[in-house]
Amino acid sequence: MYTIIIEELSFKAILGLLEKERNEEQLVVVNCKIEYEDKKNYVDYAKVCDMIVTLIQEGKFLLIEDAVDEIEKRLRSAFPQIKSLYLQVKKTEILKNALVGVEILRKY
């Protein structure tokens, strides 16, 4: 089994429910691990990163959960060889004393 590790993929996006979050981009940080079995049928980490950034920036999601669900759906469609997916999406600026976010772990 092989695991792609993407740590602290950082970019600005509209993400959240609050008025400020709808009007101003904030820093979003994504961590991701993807397992697959065959190195001949690898998962391209550059494409994964591009997909994640594009989906969140263009989606302008109200809920982090909706962003996570859409990323999972698109990654599974683009890379059916994925055997497990860990995905964490955090917002760094909404609370002064904490990073907040959502994570999933799926086995296929």
PDB file of N, CA and C in Angstrom:
ATOM      1  N   MET A   1       0.857  -1.178   0.000  1.00  0.00           N
ATOM      2  CA  MET A   1       0.000   0.000   0.000  1.00  0.00           C
ATOM      3  C   MET A   1       0.903   1.241   0.000  1.00  0.00           C
ATOM      4  N   TYR A   2       0.528   2.234  -0.768  1.00  0.00           N
ATOM      5  CA  TYR A   2       1.236   3.514  -0.832  1.00  0.00           C
ATOM      6  C   TYR A   2       0.329   4.598  -0.278  1.00  0.00           C
ATOM      7  N   THR A   3       0.936   5.608   0.327  1.00  0.00           N
ATOM      8  CA  THR A   3       0.165   6.717   0.889  1.00  0.00           C
ATOM      9  C   THR A   3       0.741   8.036   0.409  1.00  0.00           C
ATOM     10  N   ILE A   4      -0.099   8.825  -0.224  1.00  0.00           N
ATOM     11  CA  ILE A   4       0.253  10.207  -0.555  1.00  0.00           C
ATOM     12  C   ILE A   4      -0.071  11.052   0.668  1.00  0.00           C
ATOM     13  N   ILE A   5       0.833  11.927   1.032  1.00  0.00           N
ATOM     14  CA  ILE A   5       0.623  12.816   2.171  1.00  0.00           C
ATOM     15  C   ILE A   5       0.708  14.258   1.676  1.00  0.00           C
ATOM     16  N   ILE A   6      -0.338  14.999   1.896  1.00  0.00           N
ATOM     17  CA  ILE A   6      -0.372  16.428   1.576  1.00  0.00           C
ATOM     18  C   ILE A   6      -0.590  17.154   2.889  1.00  0.00           C
ATOM     19  N   GLU A   7       0.377  17.989   3.270  1.00  0.00           N
ATOM     20  CA  GLU A   7       0.301  18.696   4.541  1.00  0.00           C
ATOM     21  C   GLU A   7       0.279  20.200   4.326  1.00  0.00           C
ATOM     22  N   GLU A   8      -0.651  20.838   5.003  1.00  0.00           N
ATOM     23  CA  GLU A   8      -0.752  22.291   5.065  1.00  0.00           C
ATOM     24  C   GLU A   8      -0.828  22.947   3.694  1.00  0.00           C
ATOM     25  N   LEU A   9      -1.676  22.389   2.835  1.00  0.00           N
ATOM     26  CA  LEU A   9      -2.016  23.034   1.574  1.00  0.00           C
ATOM     27  C   LEU A   9      -2.812  24.288   1.940  1.00  0.00           C
ATOM     28  N   SER A  10      -2.231  25.453   1.707  1.00  0.00           N
ATOM     29  CA  SER A  10      -2.800  26.713   2.213  1.00  0.00           C
ATOM     30  C   SER A  10      -3.164  27.646   1.070  1.00  0.00           C
ATOM     31  N   PHE A  11      -4.347  28.252   1.190  1.00  0.00           N
ATOM     32  CA  PHE A  11      -4.822  29.175   0.168  1.00  0.00           C
ATOM     33  C   PHE A  11      -5.976  29.997   0.747  1.00  0.00           C
ATOM     34  N   LYS A  12      -6.323  31.077   0.073  1.00  0.00           N
ATOM     35  CA  LYS A  12      -7.437  31.937   0.493  1.00  0.00           C
ATOM     36  C   LYS A  12      -8.699  31.536  -0.252  1.00  0.00           C
ATOM     37  N   ALA A  13      -9.845  31.585   0.460  1.00  0.00           N
ATOM     38  CA  ALA A  13     -11.123  31.226  -0.153  1.00  0.00           C
ATOM     39  C   ALA A  13     -12.277  31.801   0.668  1.00  0.00           C
ATOM     40  N   ILE A  14     -13.426  31.882   0.028  1.00  0.00           N
ATOM     41  CA  ILE A  14     -14.687  32.189   0.706  1.00  0.00           C
ATOM     42  C   ILE A  14     -15.220  30.853   1.221  1.00  0.00           C
ATOM     43  N   LEU A  15     -15.356  30.730   2.544  1.00  0.00           N
ATOM     44  CA  LEU A  15     -15.818  29.479   3.139  1.00  0.00           C
ATOM     45  C   LEU A  15     -16.422  29.787   4.503  1.00  0.00           C
ATOM     46  N   GLY A  16     -17.723  29.582   4.633  1.00  0.00           N
ATOM     47  CA  GLY A  16     -18.355  29.791   5.927  1.00  0.00           C
ATOM     48  C   GLY A  16     -19.716  30.456   5.829  1.00  0.00           C
ATOM     49  N   LEU A  17     -20.364  30.539   6.977  1.00  0.00           N
ATOM     50  CA  LEU A  17     -21.725  31.073   7.084  1.00  0.00           C
ATOM     51  C   LEU A  17     -21.785  32.551   7.458  1.00  0.00           C
ATOM     52  N   LEU A  18     -20.822  33.001   8.227  1.00  0.00           N
ATOM     53  CA  LEU A  18     -20.874  34.359   8.760  1.00  0.00           C
ATOM     54  C   LEU A  18     -20.715  35.401   7.655  1.00  0.00           C
ATOM     55  N   GLU A  19     -21.300  36.565   7.871  1.00  0.00           N
ATOM     56  CA  GLU A  19     -21.246  37.633   6.866  1.00  0.00           C
ATOM     57  C   GLU A  19     -19.802  37.949   6.464  1.00  0.00           C
ATOM     58  N   LYS A  20     -18.928  38.049   7.451  1.00  0.00           N
ATOM     59  CA  LYS A  20     -17.521  38.325   7.165  1.00  0.00           C
ATOM     60  C   LYS A  20     -16.914  37.238   6.277  1.00  0.00           C
ATOM     61  N   GLU A  21     -17.279  35.974   6.537  1.00  0.00           N
ATOM     62  CA  GLU A  21     -16.747  34.855   5.754  1.00  0.00           C
ATOM     63  C   GLU A  21     -17.284  34.839   4.324  1.00  0.00           C
ATOM     64  N   ARG A  22     -18.449  35.416   4.133  1.00  0.00           N
ATOM     65  CA  ARG A  22     -19.051  35.458   2.801  1.00  0.00           C
ATOM     66  C   ARG A  22     -18.472  36.596   1.959  1.00  0.00           C
ATOM     67  N   ASN A  23     -17.915  37.607   2.639  1.00  0.00           N
ATOM     68  CA  ASN A  23     -17.435  38.800   1.931  1.00  0.00           C
ATOM     69  C   ASN A  23     -15.923  38.900   1.816  1.00  0.00           C
ATOM     70  N   GLU A  24     -15.205  38.199   2.681  1.00  0.00           N
ATOM     71  CA  GLU A  24     -13.744  38.280   2.688  1.00  0.00           C
ATOM     72  C   GLU A  24     -13.148  36.884   2.644  1.00  0.00           C
ATOM     73  N   GLU A  25     -12.184  36.696   1.760  1.00  0.00           N
ATOM     74  CA  GLU A  25     -11.471  35.425   1.737  1.00  0.00           C
ATOM     75  C   GLU A  25     -10.691  35.253   3.034  1.00  0.00           C
ATOM     76  N   GLN A  26     -10.595  34.016   3.475  1.00  0.00           N
ATOM     77  CA  GLN A  26      -9.806  33.706   4.659  1.00  0.00           C
ATOM     78  C   GLN A  26      -8.864  32.552   4.333  1.00  0.00           C
ATOM     79  N   LEU A  27      -7.859  32.382   5.152  1.00  0.00           N
ATOM     80  CA  LEU A  27      -6.896  31.321   4.940  1.00  0.00           C
ATOM     81  C   LEU A  27      -7.517  29.970   5.277  1.00  0.00           C
ATOM     82  N   VAL A  28      -7.416  29.052   4.329  1.00  0.00           N
ATOM     83  CA  VAL A  28      -7.894  27.681   4.489  1.00  0.00           C
ATOM     84  C   VAL A  28      -6.666  26.771   4.414  1.00  0.00           C
ATOM     85  N   VAL A  29      -6.618  25.784   5.302  1.00  0.00           N
ATOM     86  CA  VAL A  29      -5.506  24.836   5.317  1.00  0.00           C
ATOM     87  C   VAL A  29      -6.081  23.425   5.203  1.00  0.00           C
ATOM     88  N   VAL A  30      -5.531  22.660   4.263  1.00  0.00           N
ATOM     89  CA  VAL A  30      -6.015  21.303   4.010  1.00  0.00           C
ATOM     90  C   VAL A  30      -4.879  20.309   4.228  1.00  0.00           C
ATOM     91  N   ASN A  31      -5.209  19.231   4.932  1.00  0.00           N
ATOM     92  CA  ASN A  31      -4.321  18.086   5.086  1.00  0.00           C
ATOM     93  C   ASN A  31      -5.037  16.875   4.507  1.00  0.00           C
ATOM     94  N   CYS A  32      -4.272  16.019   3.851  1.00  0.00           N
ATOM     95  CA  CYS A  32      -4.896  14.912   3.138  1.00  0.00           C
ATOM     96  C   CYS A  32      -3.937  13.727   3.094  1.00  0.00           C
ATOM     97  N   LYS A  33      -4.493  12.523   3.237  1.00  0.00           N
ATOM     98  CA  LYS A  33      -3.738  11.289   3.024  1.00  0.00           C
ATOM     99  C   LYS A  33      -4.591  10.393   2.135  1.00  0.00           C
ATOM    100  N   ILE A  34      -3.956   9.845   1.125  1.00  0.00           N
ATOM    101  CA  ILE A  34      -4.650   8.977   0.177  1.00  0.00           C
ATOM    102  C   ILE A  34      -3.858   7.693   0.034  1.00  0.00           C
ATOM    103  N   GLU A  35      -4.521   6.562   0.266  1.00  0.00           N
ATOM    104  CA  GLU A  35      -3.878   5.261   0.089  1.00  0.00           C
ATOM    105  C   GLU A  35      -4.350   4.617  -1.212  1.00  0.00           C
ATOM    106  N   TYR A  36      -3.405   3.978  -1.886  1.00  0.00           N
ATOM    107  CA  TYR A  36      -3.701   3.221  -3.103  1.00  0.00           C
ATOM    108  C   TYR A  36      -2.725   2.049  -3.151  1.00  0.00           C
ATOM    109  N   GLU A  37      -3.027   1.034  -3.960  1.00  0.00           N
ATOM    110  CA  GLU A  37      -2.263  -0.208  -3.905  1.00  0.00           C
ATOM    111  C   GLU A  37      -1.156  -0.335  -4.939  1.00  0.00           C
ATOM    112  N   ASP A  38      -1.347   0.157  -6.129  1.00  0.00           N
ATOM    113  CA  ASP A  38      -0.448  -0.153  -7.240  1.00  0.00           C
ATOM    114  C   ASP A  38       0.278   1.092  -7.721  1.00  0.00           C
ATOM    115  N   LYS A  39       1.602   1.107  -7.623  1.00  0.00           N
ATOM    116  CA  LYS A  39       2.360   2.283  -8.050  1.00  0.00           C
ATOM    117  C   LYS A  39       2.260   2.515  -9.556  1.00  0.00           C
ATOM    118  N   LYS A  40       1.883   1.507 -10.310  1.00  0.00           N
ATOM    119  CA  LYS A  40       1.662   1.685 -11.750  1.00  0.00           C
ATOM    120  C   LYS A  40       0.372   2.461 -12.012  1.00  0.00           C
ATOM    121  N   ASN A  41      -0.521   2.444 -11.049  1.00  0.00           N
ATOM    122  CA  ASN A  41      -1.796   3.156 -11.142  1.00  0.00           C
ATOM    123  C   ASN A  41      -1.841   4.185 -10.005  1.00  0.00           C
ATOM    124  N   TYR A  42      -0.856   5.068 -10.018  1.00  0.00           N
ATOM    125  CA  TYR A  42      -0.655   6.014  -8.919  1.00  0.00           C
ATOM    126  C   TYR A  42      -1.691   7.136  -8.920  1.00  0.00           C
ATOM    127  N   VAL A  43      -1.736   7.855  -7.818  1.00  0.00           N
ATOM    128  CA  VAL A  43      -2.577   9.042  -7.667  1.00  0.00           C
ATOM    129  C   VAL A  43      -1.640  10.246  -7.750  1.00  0.00           C
ATOM    130  N   ASP A  44      -1.916  11.148  -8.668  1.00  0.00           N
ATOM    131  CA  ASP A  44      -1.077  12.319  -8.922  1.00  0.00           C
ATOM    132  C   ASP A  44      -1.347  13.383  -7.855  1.00  0.00           C
ATOM    133  N   TYR A  45      -0.404  13.579  -6.943  1.00  0.00           N
ATOM    134  CA  TYR A  45      -0.618  14.516  -5.840  1.00  0.00           C
ATOM    135  C   TYR A  45      -0.754  15.955  -6.311  1.00  0.00           C
ATOM    136  N   ALA A  46      -0.100  16.325  -7.399  1.00  0.00           N
ATOM    137  CA  ALA A  46      -0.248  17.689  -7.926  1.00  0.00           C
ATOM    138  C   ALA A  46      -1.683  17.934  -8.396  1.00  0.00           C
ATOM    139  N   LYS A  47      -2.255  16.940  -9.070  1.00  0.00           N
ATOM    140  CA  LYS A  47      -3.655  17.060  -9.514  1.00  0.00           C
ATOM    141  C   LYS A  47      -4.599  17.103  -8.316  1.00  0.00           C
ATOM    142  N   VAL A  48      -4.304  16.305  -7.297  1.00  0.00           N
ATOM    143  CA  VAL A  48      -5.130  16.314  -6.079  1.00  0.00           C
ATOM    144  C   VAL A  48      -5.125  17.709  -5.465  1.00  0.00           C
ATOM    145  N   CYS A  49      -3.946  18.303  -5.321  1.00  0.00           N
ATOM    146  CA  CYS A  49      -3.836  19.651  -4.740  1.00  0.00           C
ATOM    147  C   CYS A  49      -4.613  20.668  -5.577  1.00  0.00           C
ATOM    148  N   ASP A  50      -4.433  20.625  -6.886  1.00  0.00           N
ATOM    149  CA  ASP A  50      -5.144  21.557  -7.765  1.00  0.00           C
ATOM    150  C   ASP A  50      -6.657  21.390  -7.646  1.00  0.00           C
ATOM    151  N   MET A  51      -7.119  20.143  -7.586  1.00  0.00           N
ATOM    152  CA  MET A  51      -8.554  19.887  -7.468  1.00  0.00           C
ATOM    153  C   MET A  51      -9.112  20.458  -6.172  1.00  0.00           C
ATOM    154  N   ILE A  52      -8.414  20.233  -5.079  1.00  0.00           N
ATOM    155  CA  ILE A  52      -8.878  20.706  -3.776  1.00  0.00           C
ATOM    156  C   ILE A  52      -8.987  22.226  -3.765  1.00  0.00           C
ATOM    157  N   VAL A  53      -7.937  22.901  -4.198  1.00  0.00           N
ATOM    158  CA  VAL A  53      -7.941  24.373  -4.202  1.00  0.00           C
ATOM    159  C   VAL A  53      -9.056  24.894  -5.098  1.00  0.00           C
ATOM    160  N   THR A  54      -9.144  24.375  -6.308  1.00  0.00           N
ATOM    161  CA  THR A  54     -10.165  24.842  -7.255  1.00  0.00           C
ATOM    162  C   THR A  54     -11.570  24.621  -6.723  1.00  0.00           C
ATOM    163  N   LEU A  55     -11.830  23.431  -6.183  1.00  0.00           N
ATOM    164  CA  LEU A  55     -13.176  23.122  -5.681  1.00  0.00           C
ATOM    165  C   LEU A  55     -13.589  24.055  -4.544  1.00  0.00           C
ATOM    166  N   ILE A  56     -12.691  24.296  -3.603  1.00  0.00           N
ATOM    167  CA  ILE A  56     -13.047  25.152  -2.470  1.00  0.00           C
ATOM    168  C   ILE A  56     -13.173  26.605  -2.914  1.00  0.00           C
ATOM    169  N   GLN A  57     -12.254  27.081  -3.736  1.00  0.00           N
ATOM    170  CA  GLN A  57     -12.324  28.476  -4.166  1.00  0.00           C
ATOM    171  C   GLN A  57     -13.550  28.750  -5.038  1.00  0.00           C
ATOM    172  N   GLU A  58     -13.840  27.864  -5.966  1.00  0.00           N
ATOM    173  CA  GLU A  58     -14.989  28.076  -6.849  1.00  0.00           C
ATOM    174  C   GLU A  58     -16.305  27.759  -6.167  1.00  0.00           C
ATOM    175  N   GLY A  59     -16.291  26.816  -5.214  1.00  0.00           N
ATOM    176  CA  GLY A  59     -17.522  26.397  -4.552  1.00  0.00           C
ATOM    177  C   GLY A  59     -18.088  27.413  -3.582  1.00  0.00           C
ATOM    178  N   LYS A  60     -17.208  28.203  -2.960  1.00  0.00           N
ATOM    179  CA  LYS A  60     -17.647  29.199  -1.965  1.00  0.00           C
ATOM    180  C   LYS A  60     -18.687  28.584  -1.014  1.00  0.00           C
ATOM    181  N   PHE A  61     -18.334  27.467  -0.423  1.00  0.00           N
ATOM    182  CA  PHE A  61     -19.253  26.677   0.397  1.00  0.00           C
ATOM    183  C   PHE A  61     -19.639  27.399   1.681  1.00  0.00           C
ATOM    184  N   LEU A  62     -20.866  27.180   2.116  1.00  0.00           N
ATOM    185  CA  LEU A  62     -21.327  27.694   3.399  1.00  0.00           C
ATOM    186  C   LEU A  62     -20.780  26.844   4.543  1.00  0.00           C
ATOM    187  N   LEU A  63     -20.785  25.533   4.358  1.00  0.00           N
ATOM    188  CA  LEU A  63     -20.329  24.609   5.391  1.00  0.00           C
ATOM    189  C   LEU A  63     -19.056  23.906   4.944  1.00  0.00           C
ATOM    190  N   ILE A  64     -18.134  23.739   5.860  1.00  0.00           N
ATOM    191  CA  ILE A  64     -16.926  22.977   5.570  1.00  0.00           C
ATOM    192  C   ILE A  64     -17.312  21.543   5.188  1.00  0.00           C
ATOM    193  N   GLU A  65     -18.328  21.003   5.827  1.00  0.00           N
ATOM    194  CA  GLU A  65     -18.778  19.641   5.537  1.00  0.00           C
ATOM    195  C   GLU A  65     -19.151  19.483   4.059  1.00  0.00           C
ATOM    196  N   ASP A  66     -19.806  20.500   3.497  1.00  0.00           N
ATOM    197  CA  ASP A  66     -20.163  20.434   2.075  1.00  0.00           C
ATOM    198  C   ASP A  66     -18.919  20.436   1.196  1.00  0.00           C
ATOM    199  N   ALA A  67     -17.921  21.216   1.567  1.00  0.00           N
ATOM    200  CA  ALA A  67     -16.662  21.236   0.818  1.00  0.00           C
ATOM    201  C   ALA A  67     -15.984  19.874   0.884  1.00  0.00           C
ATOM    202  N   VAL A  68     -15.925  19.295   2.067  1.00  0.00           N
ATOM    203  CA  VAL A  68     -15.301  17.989   2.254  1.00  0.00           C
ATOM    204  C   VAL A  68     -16.028  16.920   1.427  1.00  0.00           C
ATOM    205  N   ASP A  69     -17.356  16.935   1.461  1.00  0.00           N
ATOM    206  CA  ASP A  69     -18.138  15.956   0.696  1.00  0.00           C
ATOM    207  C   ASP A  69     -17.871  16.080  -0.806  1.00  0.00           C
ATOM    208  N   GLU A  70     -17.801  17.304  -1.301  1.00  0.00           N
ATOM    209  CA  GLU A  70     -17.563  17.518  -2.729  1.00  0.00           C
ATOM    210  C   GLU A  70     -16.151  17.094  -3.129  1.00  0.00           C
ATOM    211  N   ILE A  71     -15.178  17.398  -2.295  1.00  0.00           N
ATOM    212  CA  ILE A  71     -13.803  16.970  -2.569  1.00  0.00           C
ATOM    213  C   ILE A  71     -13.734  15.450  -2.621  1.00  0.00           C
ATOM    214  N   GLU A  72     -14.341  14.784  -1.650  1.00  0.00           N
ATOM    215  CA  GLU A  72     -14.340  13.319  -1.641  1.00  0.00           C
ATOM    216  C   GLU A  72     -14.961  12.768  -2.923  1.00  0.00           C
ATOM    217  N   LYS A  73     -16.093  13.290  -3.299  1.00  0.00           N
ATOM    218  CA  LYS A  73     -16.795  12.829  -4.499  1.00  0.00           C
ATOM    219  C   LYS A  73     -15.927  12.988  -5.748  1.00  0.00           C
ATOM    220  N   ARG A  74     -15.323  14.150  -5.901  1.00  0.00           N
ATOM    221  CA  ARG A  74     -14.508  14.426  -7.095  1.00  0.00           C
ATOM    222  C   ARG A  74     -13.218  13.609  -7.110  1.00  0.00           C
ATOM    223  N   LEU A  75     -12.583  13.448  -5.959  1.00  0.00           N
ATOM    224  CA  LEU A  75     -11.363  12.651  -5.902  1.00  0.00           C
ATOM    225  C   LEU A  75     -11.655  11.194  -6.241  1.00  0.00           C
ATOM    226  N   ARG A  76     -12.735  10.667  -5.712  1.00  0.00           N
ATOM    227  CA  ARG A  76     -13.103   9.266  -5.991  1.00  0.00           C
ATOM    228  C   ARG A  76     -13.431   9.067  -7.462  1.00  0.00           C
ATOM    229  N   SER A  77     -14.035  10.071  -8.076  1.00  0.00           N
ATOM    230  CA  SER A  77     -14.358   9.986  -9.493  1.00  0.00           C
ATOM    231  C   SER A  77     -13.090  10.047 -10.350  1.00  0.00           C
ATOM    232  N   ALA A  78     -12.175  10.947 -10.004  1.00  0.00           N
ATOM    233  CA  ALA A  78     -10.944  11.117 -10.778  1.00  0.00           C
ATOM    234  C   ALA A  78      -9.943   9.987 -10.547  1.00  0.00           C
ATOM    235  N   PHE A  79      -9.954   9.435  -9.337  1.00  0.00           N
ATOM    236  CA  PHE A  79      -8.979   8.406  -8.956  1.00  0.00           C
ATOM    237  C   PHE A  79      -9.691   7.225  -8.298  1.00  0.00           C
ATOM    238  N   PRO A  80     -10.329   6.378  -9.088  1.00  0.00           N
ATOM    239  CA  PRO A  80     -11.076   5.254  -8.503  1.00  0.00           C
ATOM    240  C   PRO A  80     -10.190   4.239  -7.784  1.00  0.00           C
ATOM    241  N   GLN A  81      -8.876   4.330  -7.969  1.00  0.00           N
ATOM    242  CA  GLN A  81      -7.956   3.416  -7.303  1.00  0.00           C
ATOM    243  C   GLN A  81      -7.729   3.758  -5.830  1.00  0.00           C
ATOM    244  N   ILE A  82      -8.301   4.853  -5.357  1.00  0.00           N
ATOM    245  CA  ILE A  82      -8.160   5.240  -3.950  1.00  0.00           C
ATOM    246  C   ILE A  82      -8.787   4.170  -3.057  1.00  0.00           C
ATOM    247  N   LYS A  83      -8.010   3.725  -2.070  1.00  0.00           N
ATOM    248  CA  LYS A  83      -8.489   2.728  -1.106  1.00  0.00           C
ATOM    249  C   LYS A  83      -8.914   3.360   0.209  1.00  0.00           C
ATOM    250  N   SER A  84      -8.298   4.482   0.575  1.00  0.00           N
ATOM    251  CA  SER A  84      -8.745   5.220   1.752  1.00  0.00           C
ATOM    252  C   SER A  84      -8.401   6.694   1.562  1.00  0.00           C
ATOM    253  N   LEU A  85      -9.199   7.524   2.218  1.00  0.00           N
ATOM    254  CA  LEU A  85      -9.037   8.970   2.115  1.00  0.00           C
ATOM    255  C   LEU A  85      -9.199   9.593   3.498  1.00  0.00           C
ATOM    256  N   TYR A  86      -8.171  10.307   3.921  1.00  0.00           N
ATOM    257  CA  TYR A  86      -8.251  11.156   5.105  1.00  0.00           C
ATOM    258  C   TYR A  86      -8.195  12.578   4.587  1.00  0.00           C
ATOM    259  N   LEU A  87      -9.136  13.387   5.022  1.00  0.00           N
ATOM    260  CA  LEU A  87      -9.209  14.768   4.556  1.00  0.00           C
ATOM    261  C   LEU A  87      -9.561  15.661   5.735  1.00  0.00           C
ATOM    262  N   GLN A  88      -8.794  16.719   5.900  1.00  0.00           N
ATOM    263  CA  GLN A  88      -9.023  17.696   6.969  1.00  0.00           C
ATOM    264  C   GLN A  88      -8.989  19.084   6.339  1.00  0.00           C
ATOM    265  N   VAL A  89     -10.037  19.865   6.595  1.00  0.00           N
ATOM    266  CA  VAL A  89     -10.114  21.247   6.114  1.00  0.00           C
ATOM    267  C   VAL A  89     -10.285  22.139   7.333  1.00  0.00           C
ATOM    268  N   LYS A  90      -9.360  23.109   7.473  1.00  0.00           N
ATOM    269  CA  LYS A  90      -9.380  24.001   8.634  1.00  0.00           C
ATOM    270  C   LYS A  90      -9.427  25.456   8.189  1.00  0.00           C
ATOM    271  N   LYS A  91     -10.076  26.258   9.007  1.00  0.00           N
ATOM    272  CA  LYS A  91     -10.073  27.715   8.850  1.00  0.00           C
ATOM    273  C   LYS A  91      -9.219  28.279   9.985  1.00  0.00           C
ATOM    274  N   THR A  92      -8.295  29.137   9.633  1.00  0.00           N
ATOM    275  CA  THR A  92      -7.317  29.592  10.625  1.00  0.00           C
ATOM    276  C   THR A  92      -7.636  30.952  11.228  1.00  0.00           C
ATOM    277  N   GLU A  93      -8.556  31.693  10.634  1.00  0.00           N
ATOM    278  CA  GLU A  93      -8.734  33.085  11.027  1.00  0.00           C
ATOM    279  C   GLU A  93     -10.073  33.413  11.682  1.00  0.00           C
ATOM    280  N   ILE A  94     -11.001  32.467  11.717  1.00  0.00           N
ATOM    281  CA  ILE A  94     -12.346  32.795  12.186  1.00  0.00           C
ATOM    282  C   ILE A  94     -12.416  32.948  13.708  1.00  0.00           C
ATOM    283  N   LEU A  95     -11.636  32.169  14.450  1.00  0.00           N
ATOM    284  CA  LEU A  95     -11.546  32.322  15.901  1.00  0.00           C
ATOM    285  C   LEU A  95     -10.136  32.783  16.253  1.00  0.00           C
ATOM    286  N   LYS A  96     -10.045  33.683  17.206  1.00  0.00           N
ATOM    287  CA  LYS A  96      -8.739  34.223  17.570  1.00  0.00           C
ATOM    288  C   LYS A  96      -7.876  33.231  18.328  1.00  0.00           C
ATOM    289  N   ASN A  97      -8.500  32.277  19.012  1.00  0.00           N
ATOM    290  CA  ASN A  97      -7.731  31.386  19.884  1.00  0.00           C
ATOM    291  C   ASN A  97      -7.765  29.911  19.458  1.00  0.00           C
ATOM    292  N   ALA A  98      -8.197  29.627  18.198  1.00  0.00           N
ATOM    293  CA  ALA A  98      -8.270  28.227  17.783  1.00  0.00           C
ATOM    294  C   ALA A  98      -8.307  28.098  16.264  1.00  0.00           C
ATOM    295  N   LEU A  99      -7.782  26.988  15.791  1.00  0.00           N
ATOM    296  CA  LEU A  99      -8.011  26.556  14.417  1.00  0.00           C
ATOM    297  C   LEU A  99      -9.247  25.666  14.463  1.00  0.00           C
ATOM    298  N   VAL A 100     -10.138  25.838  13.518  1.00  0.00           N
ATOM    299  CA  VAL A 100     -11.360  25.027  13.504  1.00  0.00           C
ATOM    300  C   VAL A 100     -11.507  24.365  12.144  1.00  0.00           C
ATOM    301  N   GLY A 101     -12.154  23.211  12.137  1.00  0.00           N
ATOM    302  CA  GLY A 101     -12.315  22.531  10.869  1.00  0.00           C
ATOM    303  C   GLY A 101     -13.098  21.250  10.981  1.00  0.00           C
ATOM    304  N   VAL A 102     -13.035  20.482   9.891  1.00  0.00           N
ATOM    305  CA  VAL A 102     -13.748  19.215   9.775  1.00  0.00           C
ATOM    306  C   VAL A 102     -12.796  18.217   9.144  1.00  0.00           C
ATOM    307  N   GLU A 103     -12.886  16.961   9.593  1.00  0.00           N
ATOM    308  CA  GLU A 103     -12.091  15.918   8.976  1.00  0.00           C
ATOM    309  C   GLU A 103     -12.926  14.668   8.771  1.00  0.00           C
ATOM    310  N   ILE A 104     -12.503  13.880   7.773  1.00  0.00           N
ATOM    311  CA  ILE A 104     -13.141  12.597   7.505  1.00  0.00           C
ATOM    312  C   ILE A 104     -12.054  11.550   7.287  1.00  0.00           C
ATOM    313  N   LEU A 105     -12.409  10.302   7.513  1.00  0.00           N
ATOM    314  CA  LEU A 105     -11.579   9.167   7.159  1.00  0.00           C
ATOM    315  C   LEU A 105     -12.504   8.142   6.523  1.00  0.00           C
ATOM    316  N   ARG A 106     -12.255   7.827   5.275  1.00  0.00           N
ATOM    317  CA  ARG A 106     -13.098   6.864   4.545  1.00  0.00           C
ATOM    318  C   ARG A 106     -12.231   5.715   4.033  1.00  0.00           C
ATOM    319  N   LYS A 107     -12.752   4.516   4.160  1.00  0.00           N
ATOM    320  CA  LYS A 107     -12.118   3.309   3.612  1.00  0.00           C
ATOM    321  C   LYS A 107     -13.029   2.775   2.518  1.00  0.00           C
ATOM    322  N   TYR A 108     -12.443   2.423   1.392  1.00  0.00           N
ATOM    323  CA  TYR A 108     -13.244   1.939   0.248  1.00  0.00           C
ATOM    324  C   TYR A 108     -12.845   0.518  -0.110  1.00  0.00           C
TER     325      TYR A 108
END
